[in-house]
Each structure stands twice: as structure tokens, then as C-alpha cells.
Amino acid sequence: MVSDGAVPLAEVAEVVARYRLDLGSQRFRGRAGERRGHGVGSSQEFFDFRDYAPGDDLRHLDWRAYARTEQLRIRLHQEEVAPHVDLLLDTSASMASTPAKAAAAIGLVHAIRGFGDRQGSRARVLALGGGPVEADVAAFTATAAEPLLPALPLRSAGVRIVLTDGLWSAGSTAFLQRARVGAARFAVLQLLDPWEIEPTADGALTLIDCETGERREIRLDAAAIAGYRARLQRLCDALRGAVVGHGGLYARIAADSLPRMCARDLLPAGILEPR
């Protein structure tokens, strides 16, 4: 279990002040805000016309159209919203395989919550296969062989972000298809420990599966590392292809301080933009 104390809150405040979620040009649903929505609202942006009905605000009558056609029509304006943000958090034990990886995961959760709050849309954090995750505590103990959607329904026409390491024994394609249904903006953040990305050759090594407890002795030489890197690259490429190929955003993140992860990984991937 990793708690709020493991996260430098000054780093969270720093990145929330410097960046915001890149929402693109999609239309969203959510609370009243500043982004273009699906429906009719009170913004300055023209949306559509409809026939006048008794009781309509006369200030919205299109007098120019009336002069041409002698028909009373109302000008409708675009709704403006702060989009829903749902963060789907992988709580499998592998997300805390090292203290640095666990701290990075919790830091990203806090940052995404902060971005949502700053943009007028409180982010909701849901565990894969489970329910809401408390703001300051997350337990990485799940052992599911394949990723599952949260137990609560996901909100439609909002921002949906999956935070995971993608190290599942089963394929992720079917899960990703289900996870992005109904989302206006979909992103996957694949968080890995630096050692998982670039292991070092230290001779014999005992590996312990943090989810099953299985122990395995291997000879970690150059050939073994090369094979591992090739398998990891195929896994990452498959995950990226399944996301980007259907219009989503993907970022592979090496666990680090929150400001470095935002600047090095999330900003170039289009997840964040400068404030």
C-alpha cells in the first residue's frame, strides 16, 4: 500500500500550475465550464436555429432572418462544459513492484485529479475491476490475469484515462475496446520502472512474481536481456497500436519525479499542454 505521504505534494502543485489536460477539439458532456459541449447553452458560439415558441427570450430572435422570410426563429448557442474525467487505475501488484514505480503511480493519480479540479471537472478515480479509489491512498494488491472494467458505469462523452503498466498475462485488445466505448477523449498511460525498461546484467538473479509469489532463477546475461527487451517492445507496440489505431492517445512513462514525467512523457504525447 502506498499513501499520500510518499508523494511530494509540492511537485503536484508545480505540475498543476504549469500544465493542463489537452482536451483536443472534441465535444464533451459534463458540468458547466469552458469547453464545447454536445447540447445547447449560453456561449457566444452559434449552434443552430429553431422555430420561435411562446415564452422564448426575444433577445435570441434572428431579426435578419425574419426580415428576409417573415419567420420567427431563435438562434441557439453552443453549450460550454467542463468534461467528465474518469481515471481507470490498474491496482495490480506489479504497479508497486518498486518503490519508485509505486510513488510515480500515486503522483500521476494526484496530478490528474489536480488537472481535473483546476479545469472545473473533478476527476473520478476507479480501480480496474473495482470501485472508487480514495484520493490519498491506493492499494496495489490485485492479481487479475486480465484487465477488467471498473465495477461502476463509466461516464459518456468525457475524458477517460487508463493508468497501467500493461503487464497482463492475457491480451489487452478486448479490454481497450470496452474501455474506450463512449469516451470523447481516450488515453492510456503505460507506467514502467526504469529497470523494467533497461535491466542491467548482474549475473544470476532470482525473480519473484509480485502477484503470484512464484520464484524463478535466471541467468541475466546479454542474450537474456536482448530477448527480454524484444518481448517488452512487442508488448508496448501492441498496446500502443491498439490505442492509437482507434484514435486514442498513448504515452509510455518511465517512473521518475512528477515534473520530469510530465515534461518528458506526457507533454510530447499530447496528454498535457502548457497552461
Protein backbone atom coordinates (compact mmCIF):
# COMPACT_ATOMS: atom_id res chain seq x y z
CA MET A 1 0.00 0.00 0.00
CA VAL A 2 1.27 3.48 -0.86
CA SER A 3 -0.12 6.53 0.85
CA ASP A 4 -0.23 10.25 0.31
CA GLY A 5 2.95 10.73 2.31
CA ALA A 6 5.01 9.11 -0.47
CA VAL A 7 4.08 11.88 -2.91
CA PRO A 8 5.79 15.30 -2.76
CA LEU A 9 2.68 17.47 -2.83
CA ALA A 10 4.83 20.44 -3.91
CA GLU A 11 5.50 18.53 -7.16
CA VAL A 12 1.78 18.02 -7.69
CA ALA A 13 1.14 21.75 -7.19
CA GLU A 14 4.01 22.57 -9.56
CA VAL A 15 2.75 20.48 -12.48
CA VAL A 16 -0.89 21.50 -11.99
CA ALA A 17 0.17 25.14 -12.16
CA ARG A 18 2.31 24.52 -15.28
CA TYR A 19 0.14 22.13 -17.34
CA ARG A 20 -3.45 21.15 -18.05
CA LEU A 21 -5.10 18.21 -19.79
CA ASP A 22 -5.01 18.59 -23.58
CA LEU A 23 -8.68 18.18 -24.49
CA GLY A 24 -8.32 18.50 -28.25
CA SER A 25 -11.33 19.71 -30.25
CA GLN A 26 -13.89 17.06 -29.26
CA ARG A 27 -17.33 17.84 -27.89
CA PHE A 28 -17.93 16.75 -24.31
CA ARG A 29 -20.55 16.32 -21.63
CA GLY A 30 -20.05 17.48 -18.08
CA ARG A 31 -20.58 20.35 -15.66
CA ALA A 32 -20.76 23.99 -16.77
CA GLY A 33 -17.34 25.07 -17.99
CA GLU A 34 -15.36 26.40 -20.91
CA ARG A 35 -15.24 23.55 -23.44
CA ARG A 36 -17.64 22.97 -26.32
CA GLY A 37 -20.39 20.54 -25.36
CA HIS A 38 -22.97 18.43 -27.17
CA GLY A 39 -26.04 20.49 -26.44
CA VAL A 40 -27.48 23.99 -26.35
CA GLY A 41 -26.13 26.52 -23.89
CA SER A 42 -25.31 30.16 -23.36
CA SER A 43 -21.92 30.56 -25.04
CA GLN A 44 -21.20 33.05 -27.82
CA GLU A 45 -20.65 30.27 -30.37
CA PHE A 46 -23.58 29.74 -32.75
CA PHE A 47 -25.04 26.22 -32.71
CA ASP A 48 -28.31 26.06 -34.70
CA PHE A 49 -31.73 27.60 -35.33
CA ARG A 50 -35.20 26.51 -34.25
CA ASP A 51 -38.67 27.98 -34.66
CA TYR A 52 -39.82 30.53 -32.11
CA ALA A 53 -42.14 29.28 -29.36
CA PRO A 54 -44.13 31.47 -26.93
CA GLY A 55 -42.02 32.26 -23.91
CA ASP A 56 -38.65 32.22 -25.72
CA ASP A 57 -36.22 35.01 -24.89
CA LEU A 58 -36.79 37.67 -27.56
CA ARG A 59 -33.14 38.67 -27.35
CA HIS A 60 -32.31 35.44 -29.21
CA LEU A 61 -34.62 36.13 -32.15
CA ASP A 62 -32.86 36.27 -35.52
CA TRP A 63 -34.27 39.56 -36.83
CA ARG A 64 -32.27 39.43 -40.04
CA ALA A 65 -33.84 36.09 -40.94
CA TYR A 66 -37.28 37.50 -40.07
CA ALA A 67 -36.72 40.44 -42.44
CA ARG A 68 -35.97 38.01 -45.27
CA THR A 69 -38.54 35.27 -44.58
CA GLU A 70 -41.06 36.75 -42.10
CA GLN A 71 -40.48 33.63 -39.97
CA LEU A 72 -39.59 33.97 -36.30
CA ARG A 73 -36.58 31.81 -35.48
CA ILE A 74 -34.41 31.53 -32.40
CA ARG A 75 -30.61 31.44 -32.57
CA LEU A 76 -29.23 28.63 -30.40
CA HIS A 77 -25.76 28.81 -28.91
CA GLN A 78 -23.28 26.09 -28.03
CA GLU A 79 -23.26 24.57 -24.57
CA GLU A 80 -19.99 25.00 -22.67
CA VAL A 81 -18.91 22.31 -20.22
CA ALA A 82 -16.09 21.07 -18.05
CA PRO A 83 -15.80 17.47 -19.30
CA HIS A 84 -16.06 14.46 -17.04
CA VAL A 85 -12.66 12.91 -16.26
CA ASP A 86 -12.53 9.20 -15.37
CA LEU A 87 -9.14 7.76 -14.43
CA LEU A 88 -9.09 3.95 -14.59
CA LEU A 89 -6.29 2.82 -12.29
CA ASP A 90 -4.58 -0.55 -12.60
CA THR A 91 -4.23 -1.69 -8.98
CA SER A 92 -2.35 -4.91 -9.74
CA ALA A 93 0.64 -5.68 -7.53
CA SER A 94 3.07 -5.14 -10.41
CA MET A 95 2.25 -1.40 -10.29
CA ALA A 96 4.16 -1.31 -6.99
CA SER A 97 6.98 -3.69 -7.95
CA THR A 98 9.46 -0.99 -6.85
CA PRO A 99 9.03 1.99 -4.51
CA ALA A 100 9.83 4.37 -7.39
CA LYS A 101 7.11 2.88 -9.59
CA ALA A 102 4.52 2.97 -6.79
CA ALA A 103 5.35 6.59 -5.96
CA ALA A 104 5.16 7.54 -9.65
CA ALA A 105 1.72 5.91 -9.96
CA ILE A 106 0.36 7.74 -6.93
CA GLY A 107 1.93 11.00 -8.12
CA LEU A 108 0.19 10.66 -11.50
CA VAL A 109 -3.14 9.93 -9.78
CA HIS A 110 -2.80 13.11 -7.71
CA ALA A 111 -1.73 15.15 -10.74
CA ILE A 112 -4.67 14.00 -12.89
CA ARG A 113 -7.03 14.79 -10.04
CA GLY A 114 -5.42 18.21 -9.81
CA PHE A 115 -5.72 18.87 -13.54
CA GLY A 116 -9.40 17.95 -13.41
CA ASP A 117 -10.08 20.19 -10.42
CA ARG A 118 -8.21 23.11 -11.99
CA GLN A 119 -10.19 22.73 -15.23
CA GLY A 120 -13.52 22.65 -13.37
CA SER A 121 -14.13 18.91 -13.62
CA ARG A 122 -13.44 16.78 -10.58
CA ALA A 123 -11.65 13.64 -11.73
CA ARG A 124 -13.05 10.31 -10.57
CA VAL A 125 -10.52 7.54 -9.91
CA LEU A 126 -11.78 3.96 -10.32
CA ALA A 127 -9.83 0.75 -9.85
CA LEU A 128 -9.83 -1.72 -12.73
CA GLY A 129 -12.23 -4.45 -11.69
CA GLY A 130 -13.22 -2.49 -8.59
CA GLY A 131 -14.69 0.71 -7.25
CA PRO A 132 -13.59 4.24 -6.35
CA VAL A 133 -10.03 4.83 -5.14
CA GLU A 134 -9.56 7.23 -2.24
CA ALA A 135 -7.74 10.45 -3.00
CA ASP A 136 -4.76 9.86 -0.75
CA VAL A 137 -4.42 6.06 -0.54
CA ALA A 138 -4.16 3.34 -3.18
CA ALA A 139 -3.55 -0.35 -2.58
CA PHE A 140 -1.75 -2.22 -5.35
CA THR A 141 -2.70 -5.78 -4.48
CA ALA A 142 -4.91 -7.08 -7.30
CA THR A 143 -3.89 -10.29 -9.08
CA ALA A 144 -6.27 -10.47 -12.07
CA ALA A 145 -4.84 -12.26 -15.12
CA GLU A 146 -6.60 -9.84 -17.44
CA PRO A 147 -7.76 -6.22 -17.08
CA LEU A 148 -11.39 -5.63 -16.17
CA LEU A 149 -13.56 -2.54 -16.36
CA PRO A 150 -14.41 -0.83 -13.06
CA ALA A 151 -17.49 -2.02 -11.23
CA LEU A 152 -19.19 1.38 -11.65
CA PRO A 153 -20.55 2.60 -15.00
CA LEU A 154 -18.25 4.94 -16.91
CA ARG A 155 -19.50 8.40 -17.84
CA SER A 156 -20.00 9.06 -21.53
CA ALA A 157 -18.67 11.89 -23.72
CA GLY A 158 -15.87 12.75 -21.30
CA VAL A 159 -12.14 12.20 -20.84
CA ARG A 160 -11.13 8.63 -19.97
CA ILE A 161 -7.56 7.78 -18.96
CA VAL A 162 -6.17 4.32 -18.18
CA LEU A 163 -3.06 4.23 -15.96
CA THR A 164 -1.41 0.80 -16.12
CA ASP A 165 1.89 -0.97 -16.74
CA GLY A 166 0.18 -3.22 -19.31
CA LEU A 167 1.94 -6.29 -17.90
CA TRP A 168 -1.02 -8.63 -18.09
CA SER A 169 -0.73 -12.32 -18.85
CA ALA A 170 -3.79 -12.08 -21.12
CA GLY A 171 -4.20 -9.77 -24.09
CA SER A 172 -5.49 -6.23 -23.66
CA THR A 173 -7.21 -5.61 -27.01
CA ALA A 174 -10.72 -6.62 -25.90
CA PHE A 175 -10.38 -4.63 -22.67
CA LEU A 176 -9.27 -1.49 -24.53
CA GLN A 177 -12.18 -1.79 -26.93
CA ARG A 178 -14.59 -1.85 -23.99
CA ALA A 179 -12.77 0.87 -22.07
CA ARG A 180 -12.92 3.47 -24.84
CA VAL A 181 -16.62 2.98 -25.72
CA GLY A 182 -18.45 6.26 -25.17
CA ALA A 183 -15.36 8.34 -24.37
CA ALA A 184 -14.81 11.62 -26.22
CA ARG A 185 -11.08 11.60 -25.36
CA PHE A 186 -9.29 8.34 -24.53
CA ALA A 187 -5.71 7.86 -23.38
CA VAL A 188 -3.54 5.07 -21.99
CA LEU A 189 -0.54 5.84 -19.79
CA GLN A 190 1.81 2.85 -19.57
CA LEU A 191 3.97 3.25 -16.48
CA LEU A 192 7.14 1.17 -16.18
CA ASP A 193 10.05 1.19 -13.77
CA PRO A 194 13.38 2.24 -15.34
CA TRP A 195 14.77 -1.22 -14.54
CA GLU A 196 11.84 -2.82 -16.36
CA ILE A 197 12.74 -0.77 -19.43
CA GLU A 198 16.52 -1.15 -19.20
CA PRO A 199 17.55 -4.09 -16.96
CA THR A 200 21.21 -4.47 -16.14
CA ALA A 201 23.25 -7.67 -16.48
CA ASP A 202 24.15 -8.71 -12.95
CA GLY A 203 24.69 -12.43 -13.44
CA ALA A 204 22.34 -14.85 -11.69
CA LEU A 205 19.11 -13.34 -10.44
CA THR A 206 16.09 -14.65 -8.57
CA LEU A 207 12.88 -13.17 -9.94
CA ILE A 208 9.75 -13.24 -7.78
CA ASP A 209 6.35 -12.68 -9.37
CA CYS A 210 4.86 -9.99 -7.13
CA GLU A 211 1.32 -11.17 -7.86
CA THR A 212 1.68 -14.96 -7.57
CA GLY A 213 4.81 -15.27 -5.43
CA GLU A 214 6.39 -17.65 -7.96
CA ARG A 215 10.20 -17.69 -7.79
CA ARG A 216 12.42 -18.23 -10.81
CA GLU A 217 16.21 -18.32 -11.07
CA ILE A 218 17.58 -16.91 -14.33
CA ARG A 219 20.98 -16.06 -15.77
CA LEU A 220 20.71 -12.36 -16.63
CA ASP A 221 23.32 -12.07 -19.38
CA ALA A 222 23.37 -10.04 -22.59
CA ALA A 223 21.36 -12.62 -24.54
CA ALA A 224 18.64 -12.83 -21.90
CA ILE A 225 18.40 -9.04 -21.72
CA ALA A 226 18.16 -8.75 -25.51
CA GLY A 227 15.33 -11.28 -25.59
CA TYR A 228 13.53 -9.51 -22.76
CA ARG A 229 13.84 -6.12 -24.47
CA ALA A 230 12.44 -7.54 -27.70
CA ARG A 231 9.43 -9.04 -25.87
CA LEU A 232 8.79 -5.82 -23.95
CA GLN A 233 8.98 -3.78 -27.15
CA ARG A 234 6.44 -6.07 -28.83
CA LEU A 235 4.13 -5.71 -25.84
CA CYS A 236 4.44 -1.91 -25.83
CA ASP A 237 3.99 -1.71 -29.61
CA ALA A 238 0.86 -3.87 -29.44
CA LEU A 239 -0.59 -1.73 -26.65
CA ARG A 240 0.22 1.49 -28.47
CA GLY A 241 -1.22 0.16 -31.74
CA ALA A 242 -4.47 -0.88 -30.07
CA VAL A 243 -4.88 2.61 -28.59
CA VAL A 244 -3.61 4.92 -31.33
CA GLY A 245 -5.14 2.81 -34.10
CA HIS A 246 -8.59 3.70 -32.77
CA GLY A 247 -7.98 7.41 -32.22
CA GLY A 248 -6.67 7.30 -28.66
CA LEU A 249 -3.52 8.76 -27.10
CA TYR A 250 -0.67 6.65 -25.72
CA ALA A 251 2.34 7.51 -23.57
CA ARG A 252 5.00 5.18 -22.19
CA ILE A 253 6.27 6.61 -18.93
CA ALA A 254 9.47 5.78 -17.09
CA ALA A 255 8.86 6.16 -13.35
CA ASP A 256 10.51 9.39 -12.23
CA SER A 257 9.70 12.63 -10.46
CA LEU A 258 6.34 14.08 -11.42
CA PRO A 259 7.73 17.18 -13.22
CA ARG A 260 10.06 15.00 -15.33
CA MET A 261 7.30 12.55 -16.28
CA CYS A 262 5.03 15.40 -17.32
CA ALA A 263 7.66 17.25 -19.38
CA ARG A 264 9.39 14.20 -20.90
CA ASP A 265 6.50 11.79 -21.48
CA LEU A 266 3.04 13.35 -21.16
CA LEU A 267 3.58 16.68 -22.91
CA PRO A 268 5.04 15.24 -26.17
CA ALA A 269 2.31 12.58 -26.27
CA GLY A 270 -0.46 15.19 -26.30
CA ILE A 271 -1.80 14.18 -22.89
CA LEU A 272 -0.91 17.58 -21.45
CA GLU A 273 -0.45 21.06 -22.82
CA PRO A 274 1.17 24.14 -21.29
CA ARG A 275 -1.15 26.31 -19.25
